[in-house]
Amino acid sequence: MADYEGLLAESIRMKGHNGDELDAYLARPLGAGPFPGVVLIHHMPGWDEASKEMVRKFAFNGYICISSNLHYRIGPGSLDDVTAAVRTAGGTPDEQFLGDFRGAMAHLRALPYHNGKIGCIGFCSGGRQSYIAAGSVSDLDAAVDCWGGRVVMAPEDLSDRQPVAPIDMTPNINCPVLGLFGNDDVAPSPEQVDQQEEALKANNKTYEFHRYDGAGHGFFAVDRPSYRPEQATDGWGHVFNWFGKYLTA
């Protein structure tokens, strides 16, 4: 008889930046564990069905995964309207993101079936935020940046909400970083990915980058025309190898 398999996935409430209570989605394998933890940072289109499906994918593969709704402060409304409001406002403030991110980590650490290790993965704007977390959160064990744009920023692109280019945080990175990028992408462009890699190399950071021909932005997104199954399958393999190396030992 095959081994029993089961997972639990549910909407929860968690404490975020400044003690704000926000919505999150959590999935975990059934059983006593202990299981490693992953914070999944959703893309700019929002806390959507595809993001929650990936949370469940991590649970199926043996991780406790949590994804908080980083756009919830905008208020109720359709996903498109909320995302448009976030874009108009200039994106999620980096300080607020870090407060919410630390709240998600604290939630994982309080679970009795957590093994004490936490990684993060982010997509699009979430990839940028994953890089920020790697450069700002000292007790993060591993990070994955999936095509994060605006890691490299010109001075004129900085704002009160995003006051520091993530690439300038590279010297402070304390965890290994995996990067997945499409060579047909423009945000980040291949040249910007080169700059990001050079910064990691110059600062002697542990990293691994994989770049895919025939793929652009969002090539993991099964619900979008950008989906590239061959490249996505290979990319997911690297993600689970990365987290398996740094979160399960």
Foldseek 3Di string as FASTA:
>chain_A
DDDDWDKDKDKDWWAFAPRDIFIKIKMATDDLALFAEEEEEEALLWDDPQSSVVRVVVRRVGYIYMYTTLQCVQDDDDSNVSSVVCVVVPHAFLSRLVRRVVRVVVVQVPDSSHPQAYEYEYAACGLLSQLQCQLPPQRHAEYERELYAQLPDDCVSADNRRNDRSLVSLLRGDYEYEYEAEQAEVRVHPVVVVVSVVSNVVNVHHYYYDYHYPAYGPCLRPVDPRHDVVSNVVVVVVVCVRCCVGGVD
